[in-house]
Amino acid sequence: MDKLVLIDGNSIMNRAFYGIMGSRALTTKDGKFTNAIYGFLAILFKLLEEENPQYLGVTFDLKAPTERHKLYEGYKANRKGMPNELAEQMPIIKDILRAMNIDIIEKEGYEGDDIIGTLSRYGSKKGLEVIILSGDRDTFQLATDKIKIHIPRTKAGKTETEIFDKEKVQEVYGVEPKQLIDVKGLQGDTSDNIPGVPGIGEKTALILIKKYKTIENLYEKLEKEETDIKGKQREKLLENKELAFLSKKLGEINLEVPLEDTLEELKIEDWDKQHVLEIFKELNFKRYIEKFNLLEEVENRNWKL
């Protein structure tokens, strides 16, 4: 079965940036940070070698507000800005991806997760095995028998990957992948400033969704007094019903982003090796130049021309 790999560019760059820091932080001769780029490429090359996909796309977030920001003013309001040392590496990784003829997908008003969700469903319907590479566990809601989520961990320059499919999500959380949206509706998410129901944590949210399946069913039973939920927990749930439904909507990945990218555009192509070599030389990525034999490849190509 052919494979489609979808990479959450912001998430993986962020993971690589913090995974290669301190005394191991990489810089160019003029002091520009390259640790996130180097780590991103290490994760990318490892995945390509292990999975040998036929199709590949990388998504990035844009600064424009999304539907979630319009829906809830506080969405991600607690997030600090991207460190300058990481921000300066973002345009460079995009230049490298373009030189490698890898499709970059960005759309104003939508997050990378939404693009990944839409393309994962598209790829699955086309009969492909879909691999999502992300550090964001929100993507677990997308897991099926055909869609797997790879979560990389980079420490001291080494990367290990944990793989979640539908079965693994059920094993770890005890609910269906799609039910994690309902779980988030109850517990919220401090990293994205999604409120949830005050006083309901992950453990309680999982117990409730295991029993009642969805937020809608939970509240229907609560209002009809057909549950054994009593006391303060019942009060909290009823008082914060609107927050629960808002949080569920904020936590749900959009699977219907209007995209024009087709399988043809996502197809893996040969690199522009001359351009890749120039960038790698500038970044002092000798290891990657040697790994892909770029000097010899480019010299032979130029000689033949």
C-alpha atoms as a PDB file:
ATOM      1  CA  MET A   1       0.000   0.000   0.000  1.00  0.00           C
ATOM      2  CA  ASP A   2       1.320   3.452  -0.939  1.00  0.00           C
ATOM      3  CA  LYS A   3       1.997   5.868   1.917  1.00  0.00           C
ATOM      4  CA  LEU A   4       1.309   9.548   2.506  1.00  0.00           C
ATOM      5  CA  VAL A   5       3.377  11.323   5.183  1.00  0.00           C
ATOM      6  CA  LEU A   6       2.028  14.585   6.628  1.00  0.00           C
ATOM      7  CA  ILE A   7       4.336  16.647   8.838  1.00  0.00           C
ATOM      8  CA  ASP A   8       3.280  19.332  11.316  1.00  0.00           C
ATOM      9  CA  GLY A   9       6.101  21.759  10.501  1.00  0.00           C
ATOM     10  CA  ASN A  10       5.688  24.122  13.473  1.00  0.00           C
ATOM     11  CA  SER A  11       5.408  21.281  15.962  1.00  0.00           C
ATOM     12  CA  ILE A  12       8.451  19.372  14.692  1.00  0.00           C
ATOM     13  CA  MET A  13      10.585  22.524  14.395  1.00  0.00           C
ATOM     14  CA  ASN A  14       9.644  23.407  17.969  1.00  0.00           C
ATOM     15  CA  ARG A  15      10.529  19.917  19.215  1.00  0.00           C
ATOM     16  CA  ALA A  16      13.827  19.927  17.341  1.00  0.00           C
ATOM     17  CA  PHE A  17      14.699  23.402  18.635  1.00  0.00           C
ATOM     18  CA  TYR A  18      14.324  22.408  22.286  1.00  0.00           C
ATOM     19  CA  GLY A  19      15.708  18.905  21.696  1.00  0.00           C
ATOM     20  CA  ILE A  20      19.086  20.280  20.526  1.00  0.00           C
ATOM     21  CA  MET A  21      19.870  23.119  22.895  1.00  0.00           C
ATOM     22  CA  GLY A  22      22.493  24.230  25.405  1.00  0.00           C
ATOM     23  CA  SER A  23      26.097  23.428  24.618  1.00  0.00           C
ATOM     24  CA  ARG A  24      24.952  21.362  21.628  1.00  0.00           C
ATOM     25  CA  ALA A  25      23.058  24.254  20.017  1.00  0.00           C
ATOM     26  CA  LEU A  26      24.227  24.587  16.422  1.00  0.00           C
ATOM     27  CA  THR A  27      25.046  27.872  14.730  1.00  0.00           C
ATOM     28  CA  THR A  28      26.584  29.083  11.474  1.00  0.00           C
ATOM     29  CA  LYS A  29      29.895  30.945  11.391  1.00  0.00           C
ATOM     30  CA  ASP A  30      28.033  34.263  11.609  1.00  0.00           C
ATOM     31  CA  GLY A  31      26.077  33.114  14.686  1.00  0.00           C
ATOM     32  CA  LYS A  32      22.683  32.144  13.222  1.00  0.00           C
ATOM     33  CA  PHE A  33      20.972  29.274  15.015  1.00  0.00           C
ATOM     34  CA  THR A  34      20.501  26.095  12.972  1.00  0.00           C
ATOM     35  CA  ASN A  35      19.597  23.559  15.679  1.00  0.00           C
ATOM     36  CA  ALA A  36      15.878  23.372  14.793  1.00  0.00           C
ATOM     37  CA  ILE A  37      16.616  22.970  11.071  1.00  0.00           C
ATOM     38  CA  TYR A  38      19.205  20.270  11.722  1.00  0.00           C
ATOM     39  CA  GLY A  39      16.907  18.379  14.114  1.00  0.00           C
ATOM     40  CA  PHE A  40      13.899  18.700  11.787  1.00  0.00           C
ATOM     41  CA  LEU A  41      15.897  17.232   8.914  1.00  0.00           C
ATOM     42  CA  ALA A  42      17.203  14.397  11.126  1.00  0.00           C
ATOM     43  CA  ILE A  43      13.609  13.459  12.017  1.00  0.00           C
ATOM     44  CA  LEU A  44      12.482  13.816   8.378  1.00  0.00           C
ATOM     45  CA  PHE A  45      15.310  11.694   6.934  1.00  0.00           C
ATOM     46  CA  LYS A  46      14.815   8.974   9.560  1.00  0.00           C
ATOM     47  CA  LEU A  47      11.103   8.778   8.755  1.00  0.00           C
ATOM     48  CA  LEU A  48      11.698   8.679   4.991  1.00  0.00           C
ATOM     49  CA  GLU A  49      14.240   5.869   5.383  1.00  0.00           C
ATOM     50  CA  GLU A  50      11.966   3.817   7.640  1.00  0.00           C
ATOM     51  CA  GLU A  51       8.671   4.336   5.792  1.00  0.00           C
ATOM     52  CA  ASN A  52       9.687   5.011   2.166  1.00  0.00           C
ATOM     53  CA  PRO A  53       6.507   7.003   1.365  1.00  0.00           C
ATOM     54  CA  GLN A  54       5.350   7.929  -2.118  1.00  0.00           C
ATOM     55  CA  TYR A  55       3.655  11.174  -1.037  1.00  0.00           C
ATOM     56  CA  LEU A  56       4.727  13.891   1.402  1.00  0.00           C
ATOM     57  CA  GLY A  57       3.480  17.275   2.605  1.00  0.00           C
ATOM     58  CA  VAL A  58       4.559  19.690   5.346  1.00  0.00           C
ATOM     59  CA  THR A  59       2.120  22.119   6.941  1.00  0.00           C
ATOM     60  CA  PHE A  60       2.897  25.391   8.714  1.00  0.00           C
ATOM     61  CA  ASP A  61       0.739  27.792  10.739  1.00  0.00           C
ATOM     62  CA  LEU A  62       0.249  31.342   9.535  1.00  0.00           C
ATOM     63  CA  LYS A  63      -0.091  34.333  11.859  1.00  0.00           C
ATOM     64  CA  ALA A  64      -3.619  35.266  10.739  1.00  0.00           C
ATOM     65  CA  PRO A  65      -6.436  34.564  13.252  1.00  0.00           C
ATOM     66  CA  THR A  66      -8.293  31.285  12.783  1.00  0.00           C
ATOM     67  CA  GLU A  67     -11.971  30.410  13.239  1.00  0.00           C
ATOM     68  CA  ARG A  68     -11.090  29.325  16.788  1.00  0.00           C
ATOM     69  CA  HIS A  69      -9.798  32.814  17.644  1.00  0.00           C
ATOM     70  CA  LYS A  70     -13.036  34.292  16.296  1.00  0.00           C
ATOM     71  CA  LEU A  71     -15.073  31.788  18.305  1.00  0.00           C
ATOM     72  CA  TYR A  72     -13.189  32.372  21.563  1.00  0.00           C
ATOM     73  CA  GLU A  73     -11.079  35.468  22.136  1.00  0.00           C
ATOM     74  CA  GLY A  74      -8.978  33.710  24.769  1.00  0.00           C
ATOM     75  CA  TYR A  75      -7.882  30.884  22.444  1.00  0.00           C
ATOM     76  CA  LYS A  76      -4.079  30.482  22.808  1.00  0.00           C
ATOM     77  CA  ALA A  77      -3.987  33.885  24.551  1.00  0.00           C
ATOM     78  CA  ASN A  78      -1.522  32.496  27.107  1.00  0.00           C
ATOM     79  CA  ARG A  79       1.033  31.486  24.459  1.00  0.00           C
ATOM     80  CA  LYS A  80       4.365  33.259  24.464  1.00  0.00           C
ATOM     81  CA  GLY A  81       5.728  34.357  21.106  1.00  0.00           C
ATOM     82  CA  MET A  82       8.157  32.130  19.229  1.00  0.00           C
ATOM     83  CA  PRO A  83      11.776  32.719  20.379  1.00  0.00           C
ATOM     84  CA  ASN A  84      13.771  34.788  17.868  1.00  0.00           C
ATOM     85  CA  GLU A  85      16.370  31.993  17.669  1.00  0.00           C
ATOM     86  CA  LEU A  86      13.622  29.668  16.360  1.00  0.00           C
ATOM     87  CA  ALA A  87      11.722  32.252  14.289  1.00  0.00           C
ATOM     88  CA  GLU A  88      14.818  33.023  12.192  1.00  0.00           C
ATOM     89  CA  GLN A  89      15.068  29.335  11.250  1.00  0.00           C
ATOM     90  CA  MET A  90      11.505  29.015   9.889  1.00  0.00           C
ATOM     91  CA  PRO A  91      12.079  30.661   6.462  1.00  0.00           C
ATOM     92  CA  ILE A  92      15.279  28.622   6.021  1.00  0.00           C
ATOM     93  CA  ILE A  93      13.598  25.240   6.568  1.00  0.00           C
ATOM     94  CA  LYS A  94      10.937  26.284   4.050  1.00  0.00           C
ATOM     95  CA  ASP A  95      13.659  27.145   1.513  1.00  0.00           C
ATOM     96  CA  ILE A  96      15.198  23.700   2.057  1.00  0.00           C
ATOM     97  CA  LEU A  97      11.844  21.945   1.632  1.00  0.00           C
ATOM     98  CA  ARG A  98      11.200  23.841  -1.606  1.00  0.00           C
ATOM     99  CA  ALA A  99      14.669  22.884  -2.867  1.00  0.00           C
ATOM    100  CA  MET A 100      13.739  19.270  -2.077  1.00  0.00           C
ATOM    101  CA  ASN A 101      10.492  19.737  -4.064  1.00  0.00           C
ATOM    102  CA  ILE A 102       8.438  18.894  -0.967  1.00  0.00           C
ATOM    103  CA  ASP A 103       4.930  20.377  -0.960  1.00  0.00           C
ATOM    104  CA  ILE A 104       4.423  23.076   1.718  1.00  0.00           C
ATOM    105  CA  ILE A 105       0.756  23.614   2.633  1.00  0.00           C
ATOM    106  CA  GLU A 106      -0.380  26.760   4.458  1.00  0.00           C
ATOM    107  CA  LYS A 107      -3.789  28.423   4.501  1.00  0.00           C
ATOM    108  CA  GLU A 108      -4.833  31.639   6.162  1.00  0.00           C
ATOM    109  CA  GLY A 109      -7.503  31.131   8.808  1.00  0.00           C
ATOM    110  CA  TYR A 110      -6.603  27.482   9.438  1.00  0.00           C
ATOM    111  CA  GLU A 111      -4.068  25.759  11.670  1.00  0.00           C
ATOM    112  CA  GLY A 112      -1.615  23.119  10.551  1.00  0.00           C
ATOM    113  CA  ASP A 113      -3.652  20.465  12.410  1.00  0.00           C
ATOM    114  CA  ASP A 114      -6.718  21.321  10.314  1.00  0.00           C
ATOM    115  CA  ILE A 115      -4.749  20.963   7.081  1.00  0.00           C
ATOM    116  CA  ILE A 116      -3.294  17.665   8.294  1.00  0.00           C
ATOM    117  CA  GLY A 117      -6.754  16.440   9.303  1.00  0.00           C
ATOM    118  CA  THR A 118      -8.216  17.310   5.910  1.00  0.00           C
ATOM    119  CA  LEU A 119      -5.337  15.753   3.955  1.00  0.00           C
ATOM    120  CA  SER A 120      -5.253  12.628   6.146  1.00  0.00           C
ATOM    121  CA  ARG A 121      -8.912  11.961   5.387  1.00  0.00           C
ATOM    122  CA  TYR A 122      -8.284  12.699   1.687  1.00  0.00           C
ATOM    123  CA  GLY A 123      -5.331  10.287   1.586  1.00  0.00           C
ATOM    124  CA  SER A 124      -7.245   7.611   3.460  1.00  0.00           C
ATOM    125  CA  LYS A 125     -10.151   7.850   1.008  1.00  0.00           C
ATOM    126  CA  LYS A 126      -7.638   7.460  -1.835  1.00  0.00           C
ATOM    127  CA  GLY A 127      -6.604   4.115  -0.324  1.00  0.00           C
ATOM    128  CA  LEU A 128      -3.273   5.287   1.129  1.00  0.00           C
ATOM    129  CA  GLU A 129      -1.728   4.472   4.475  1.00  0.00           C
ATOM    130  CA  VAL A 130      -1.356   7.854   6.184  1.00  0.00           C
ATOM    131  CA  ILE A 131       1.425   8.729   8.645  1.00  0.00           C
ATOM    132  CA  ILE A 132       1.136  11.955  10.625  1.00  0.00           C
ATOM    133  CA  LEU A 133       4.363  13.261  12.149  1.00  0.00           C
ATOM    134  CA  SER A 134       3.576  15.667  14.973  1.00  0.00           C
ATOM    135  CA  GLY A 135       4.458  16.488  18.545  1.00  0.00           C
ATOM    136  CA  ASP A 136       0.842  17.450  19.199  1.00  0.00           C
ATOM    137  CA  ARG A 137      -1.273  14.767  20.850  1.00  0.00           C
ATOM    138  CA  ASP A 138      -4.429  16.543  19.647  1.00  0.00           C
ATOM    139  CA  THR A 139      -3.826  14.634  16.410  1.00  0.00           C
ATOM    140  CA  PHE A 140      -4.717  11.366  18.212  1.00  0.00           C
ATOM    141  CA  GLN A 141      -8.362  12.131  17.395  1.00  0.00           C
ATOM    142  CA  LEU A 142      -7.462  11.450  13.734  1.00  0.00           C
ATOM    143  CA  ALA A 143      -6.176   7.911  14.341  1.00  0.00           C
ATOM    144  CA  THR A 144      -7.823   5.062  12.442  1.00  0.00           C
ATOM    145  CA  ASP A 145      -6.678   1.683  11.136  1.00  0.00           C
ATOM    146  CA  LYS A 146      -5.225   3.544   8.120  1.00  0.00           C
ATOM    147  CA  ILE A 147      -4.041   6.743   9.843  1.00  0.00           C
ATOM    148  CA  LYS A 148      -1.148   6.520  12.320  1.00  0.00           C
ATOM    149  CA  ILE A 149       0.391   9.304  14.387  1.00  0.00           C
ATOM    150  CA  HIS A 150       4.153   9.335  14.981  1.00  0.00           C
ATOM    151  CA  ILE A 151       5.268  11.347  18.029  1.00  0.00           C
ATOM    152  CA  PRO A 152       9.057  11.950  17.960  1.00  0.00           C
ATOM    153  CA  ARG A 153      11.175  12.669  21.012  1.00  0.00           C
ATOM    154  CA  THR A 154      14.589  14.267  20.456  1.00  0.00           C
ATOM    155  CA  LYS A 155      17.068  14.192  23.311  1.00  0.00           C
ATOM    156  CA  ALA A 156      20.813  14.797  23.070  1.00  0.00           C
ATOM    157  CA  GLY A 157      20.495  14.665  19.279  1.00  0.00           C
ATOM    158  CA  LYS A 158      18.824  11.235  19.251  1.00  0.00           C
ATOM    159  CA  THR A 159      15.242  10.721  18.113  1.00  0.00           C
ATOM    160  CA  GLU A 160      12.845   8.009  19.236  1.00  0.00           C
ATOM    161  CA  THR A 161       9.311   7.686  17.899  1.00  0.00           C
ATOM    162  CA  GLU A 162       6.117   6.506  19.558  1.00  0.00           C
ATOM    163  CA  ILE A 163       3.392   5.328  17.157  1.00  0.00           C
ATOM    164  CA  PHE A 164      -0.339   5.685  17.841  1.00  0.00           C
ATOM    165  CA  ASP A 165      -3.032   4.052  15.723  1.00  0.00           C
ATOM    166  CA  LYS A 166      -6.681   3.492  16.678  1.00  0.00           C
ATOM    167  CA  GLU A 167      -5.836   0.413  18.748  1.00  0.00           C
ATOM    168  CA  LYS A 168      -3.016   2.161  20.673  1.00  0.00           C
ATOM    169  CA  VAL A 169      -5.220   5.161  21.477  1.00  0.00           C
ATOM    170  CA  GLN A 170      -7.915   2.821  22.828  1.00  0.00           C
ATOM    171  CA  GLU A 171      -5.303   0.919  24.830  1.00  0.00           C
ATOM    172  CA  VAL A 172      -3.819   4.069  26.420  1.00  0.00           C
ATOM    173  CA  TYR A 173      -6.967   6.163  26.950  1.00  0.00           C
ATOM    174  CA  GLY A 174      -9.780   3.607  26.986  1.00  0.00           C
ATOM    175  CA  VAL A 175     -11.876   5.575  24.463  1.00  0.00           C
ATOM    176  CA  GLU A 176     -12.205   5.808  20.676  1.00  0.00           C
ATOM    177  CA  PRO A 177      -9.890   8.390  19.041  1.00  0.00           C
ATOM    178  CA  LYS A 178     -12.834  10.662  18.119  1.00  0.00           C
ATOM    179  CA  GLN A 179     -14.017  10.625  21.732  1.00  0.00           C
ATOM    180  CA  LEU A 180     -10.833  12.458  22.748  1.00  0.00           C
ATOM    181  CA  ILE A 181     -12.578  15.567  21.350  1.00  0.00           C
ATOM    182  CA  ASP A 182     -15.294  15.103  23.998  1.00  0.00           C
ATOM    183  CA  VAL A 183     -12.660  14.471  26.658  1.00  0.00           C
ATOM    184  CA  LYS A 184     -11.021  17.789  25.766  1.00  0.00           C
ATOM    185  CA  GLY A 185     -14.395  19.499  25.933  1.00  0.00           C
ATOM    186  CA  LEU A 186     -14.629  18.512  29.591  1.00  0.00           C
ATOM    187  CA  GLN A 187     -11.008  18.798  30.739  1.00  0.00           C
ATOM    188  CA  GLY A 188      -9.951  21.720  28.535  1.00  0.00           C
ATOM    189  CA  ASP A 189      -6.342  22.332  27.517  1.00  0.00           C
ATOM    190  CA  THR A 190      -4.105  24.776  29.380  1.00  0.00           C
ATOM    191  CA  SER A 191      -1.527  24.926  26.558  1.00  0.00           C
ATOM    192  CA  ASP A 192      -4.173  26.254  24.109  1.00  0.00           C
ATOM    193  CA  ASN A 193      -6.142  28.089  26.826  1.00  0.00           C
ATOM    194  CA  ILE A 194      -9.242  25.991  26.128  1.00  0.00           C
ATOM    195  CA  PRO A 195     -11.332  26.371  29.315  1.00  0.00           C
ATOM    196  CA  GLY A 196     -13.182  23.053  29.660  1.00  0.00           C
ATOM    197  CA  VAL A 197     -15.267  22.546  32.805  1.00  0.00           C
ATOM    198  CA  PRO A 198     -13.540  23.953  35.914  1.00  0.00           C
ATOM    199  CA  GLY A 199     -12.586  21.183  38.316  1.00  0.00           C
ATOM    200  CA  ILE A 200     -12.775  18.397  35.696  1.00  0.00           C
ATOM    201  CA  GLY A 201      -9.361  16.905  34.937  1.00  0.00           C
ATOM    202  CA  GLU A 202      -8.295  14.270  32.432  1.00  0.00           C
ATOM    203  CA  LYS A 203      -9.000  11.312  34.715  1.00  0.00           C
ATOM    204  CA  THR A 204     -12.593  12.391  35.440  1.00  0.00           C
ATOM    205  CA  ALA A 205     -13.193  13.438  31.816  1.00  0.00           C
ATOM    206  CA  LEU A 206     -12.101   9.996  30.591  1.00  0.00           C
ATOM    207  CA  ILE A 207     -14.350   8.219  33.131  1.00  0.00           C
ATOM    208  CA  LEU A 208     -17.359  10.317  32.061  1.00  0.00           C
ATOM    209  CA  ILE A 209     -16.803   9.845  28.318  1.00  0.00           C
ATOM    210  CA  LYS A 210     -16.178   6.103  28.724  1.00  0.00           C
ATOM    211  CA  LYS A 211     -19.570   5.894  30.398  1.00  0.00           C
ATOM    212  CA  TYR A 212     -21.621   8.443  28.422  1.00  0.00           C
ATOM    213  CA  LYS A 213     -19.767   8.293  25.058  1.00  0.00           C
ATOM    214  CA  THR A 214     -20.298  11.980  24.102  1.00  0.00           C
ATOM    215  CA  ILE A 215     -20.765  15.370  25.758  1.00  0.00           C
ATOM    216  CA  GLU A 216     -24.176  15.617  24.123  1.00  0.00           C
ATOM    217  CA  ASN A 217     -25.329  12.356  25.690  1.00  0.00           C
ATOM    218  CA  LEU A 218     -23.808  13.272  29.063  1.00  0.00           C
ATOM    219  CA  TYR A 219     -25.764  16.528  29.274  1.00  0.00           C
ATOM    220  CA  GLU A 220     -28.956  14.958  28.006  1.00  0.00           C
ATOM    221  CA  LYS A 221     -28.746  12.387  30.818  1.00  0.00           C
ATOM    222  CA  LEU A 222     -27.788  15.058  33.377  1.00  0.00           C
ATOM    223  CA  GLU A 223     -30.754  17.263  32.528  1.00  0.00           C
ATOM    224  CA  LYS A 224     -33.143  14.317  32.645  1.00  0.00           C
ATOM    225  CA  GLU A 225     -31.578  13.276  35.967  1.00  0.00           C
ATOM    226  CA  GLU A 226     -30.690   9.874  34.526  1.00  0.00           C
ATOM    227  CA  THR A 227     -27.143   9.767  35.911  1.00  0.00           C
ATOM    228  CA  ASP A 228     -25.515   8.914  39.219  1.00  0.00           C
ATOM    229  CA  ILE A 229     -23.506  12.160  39.098  1.00  0.00           C
ATOM    230  CA  LYS A 230     -24.209  14.059  42.296  1.00  0.00           C
ATOM    231  CA  GLY A 231     -23.111  17.046  44.376  1.00  0.00           C
ATOM    232  CA  LYS A 232     -20.491  19.546  43.279  1.00  0.00           C
ATOM    233  CA  GLN A 233     -19.515  17.608  40.156  1.00  0.00           C
ATOM    234  CA  ARG A 234     -23.090  17.755  38.894  1.00  0.00           C
ATOM    235  CA  GLU A 235     -23.265  21.486  39.714  1.00  0.00           C
ATOM    236  CA  LYS A 236     -19.988  22.218  37.910  1.00  0.00           C
ATOM    237  CA  LEU A 237     -21.069  20.331  34.816  1.00  0.00           C
ATOM    238  CA  LEU A 238     -24.479  22.005  34.615  1.00  0.00           C
ATOM    239  CA  GLU A 239     -23.148  25.504  35.376  1.00  0.00           C
ATOM    240  CA  ASN A 240     -20.486  25.203  32.669  1.00  0.00           C
ATOM    241  CA  LYS A 241     -22.446  23.481  29.912  1.00  0.00           C
ATOM    242  CA  GLU A 242     -21.732  26.260  27.400  1.00  0.00           C
ATOM    243  CA  LEU A 243     -18.015  26.124  28.184  1.00  0.00           C
ATOM    244  CA  ALA A 244     -17.995  22.352  27.649  1.00  0.00           C
ATOM    245  CA  PHE A 245     -19.597  22.604  24.203  1.00  0.00           C
ATOM    246  CA  LEU A 246     -17.382  25.577  23.259  1.00  0.00           C
ATOM    247  CA  SER A 247     -14.277  23.664  24.365  1.00  0.00           C
ATOM    248  CA  LYS A 248     -15.300  20.619  22.345  1.00  0.00           C
ATOM    249  CA  LYS A 249     -15.652  22.792  19.243  1.00  0.00           C
ATOM    250  CA  LEU A 250     -12.279  24.469  19.881  1.00  0.00           C
ATOM    251  CA  GLY A 251     -10.576  21.086  20.306  1.00  0.00           C
ATOM    252  CA  GLU A 252     -12.012  19.433  17.194  1.00  0.00           C
ATOM    253  CA  ILE A 253      -9.731  19.295  14.156  1.00  0.00           C
ATOM    254  CA  ASN A 254     -11.395  20.595  10.986  1.00  0.00           C
ATOM    255  CA  LEU A 255     -11.521  17.900   8.293  1.00  0.00           C
ATOM    256  CA  GLU A 256     -12.954  20.146   5.584  1.00  0.00           C
ATOM    257  CA  VAL A 257     -10.342  22.837   4.908  1.00  0.00           C
ATOM    258  CA  PRO A 258     -10.752  24.047   1.299  1.00  0.00           C
ATOM    259  CA  LEU A 259      -7.452  22.871  -0.205  1.00  0.00           C
ATOM    260  CA  GLU A 260      -6.303  22.574  -3.801  1.00  0.00           C
ATOM    261  CA  ASP A 261      -3.413  20.189  -3.124  1.00  0.00           C
ATOM    262  CA  THR A 262      -3.794  16.871  -4.947  1.00  0.00           C
ATOM    263  CA  LEU A 263      -1.859  13.621  -4.766  1.00  0.00           C
ATOM    264  CA  GLU A 264       0.130  14.784  -7.792  1.00  0.00           C
ATOM    265  CA  GLU A 265       1.390  17.813  -5.857  1.00  0.00           C
ATOM    266  CA  LEU A 266       2.160  15.668  -2.805  1.00  0.00           C
ATOM    267  CA  LYS A 267       4.151  13.142  -4.829  1.00  0.00           C
ATOM    268  CA  ILE A 268       7.810  12.845  -3.784  1.00  0.00           C
ATOM    269  CA  GLU A 269      10.135  14.179  -6.481  1.00  0.00           C
ATOM    270  CA  ASP A 270      13.882  14.475  -7.022  1.00  0.00           C
ATOM    271  CA  TRP A 271      15.639  17.281  -5.187  1.00  0.00           C
ATOM    272  CA  ASP A 272      17.185  20.338  -6.767  1.00  0.00           C
ATOM    273  CA  LYS A 273      20.522  19.038  -5.475  1.00  0.00           C
ATOM    274  CA  GLN A 274      22.499  22.097  -6.544  1.00  0.00           C
ATOM    275  CA  HIS A 275      20.232  24.333  -4.479  1.00  0.00           C
ATOM    276  CA  VAL A 276      20.166  21.926  -1.511  1.00  0.00           C
ATOM    277  CA  LEU A 277      23.980  21.721  -1.566  1.00  0.00           C
ATOM    278  CA  GLU A 278      24.290  25.523  -1.563  1.00  0.00           C
ATOM    279  CA  ILE A 279      22.016  25.836   1.475  1.00  0.00           C
ATOM    280  CA  PHE A 280      23.710  22.969   3.346  1.00  0.00           C
ATOM    281  CA  LYS A 281      27.134  24.546   2.690  1.00  0.00           C
ATOM    282  CA  GLU A 282      25.887  27.871   4.041  1.00  0.00           C
ATOM    283  CA  LEU A 283      24.537  26.126   7.158  1.00  0.00           C
ATOM    284  CA  ASN A 284      27.693  24.022   7.561  1.00  0.00           C
ATOM    285  CA  PHE A 285      25.691  20.770   7.400  1.00  0.00           C
ATOM    286  CA  LYS A 286      28.677  18.636   6.384  1.00  0.00           C
ATOM    287  CA  ARG A 287      27.077  15.467   7.729  1.00  0.00           C
ATOM    288  CA  TYR A 288      24.073  15.800   5.413  1.00  0.00           C
ATOM    289  CA  ILE A 289      26.252  16.767   2.434  1.00  0.00           C
ATOM    290  CA  GLU A 290      28.201  13.539   2.967  1.00  0.00           C
ATOM    291  CA  LYS A 291      25.132  11.436   3.782  1.00  0.00           C
ATOM    292  CA  PHE A 292      23.556  12.212   0.398  1.00  0.00           C
ATOM    293  CA  ASN A 293      26.866  12.462  -1.496  1.00  0.00           C
ATOM    294  CA  LEU A 294      25.779  15.907  -2.714  1.00  0.00           C
ATOM    295  CA  LEU A 295      29.181  17.222  -3.786  1.00  0.00           C
ATOM    296  CA  GLU A 296      29.804  14.313  -6.136  1.00  0.00           C
ATOM    297  CA  GLU A 297      26.171  14.238  -7.351  1.00  0.00           C
ATOM    298  CA  VAL A 298      26.231  17.926  -8.269  1.00  0.00           C
ATOM    299  CA  GLU A 299      29.699  17.777  -9.851  1.00  0.00           C
ATOM    300  CA  ASN A 300      28.697  14.784 -12.003  1.00  0.00           C
ATOM    301  CA  ARG A 301      25.481  16.496 -13.050  1.00  0.00           C
ATOM    302  CA  ASN A 302      27.286  19.714 -13.997  1.00  0.00           C
ATOM    303  CA  TRP A 303      29.935  17.766 -15.886  1.00  0.00           C
ATOM    304  CA  LYS A 304      27.273  15.902 -17.900  1.00  0.00           C
ATOM    305  CA  LEU A 305      25.541  19.203 -18.743  1.00  0.00           C
END
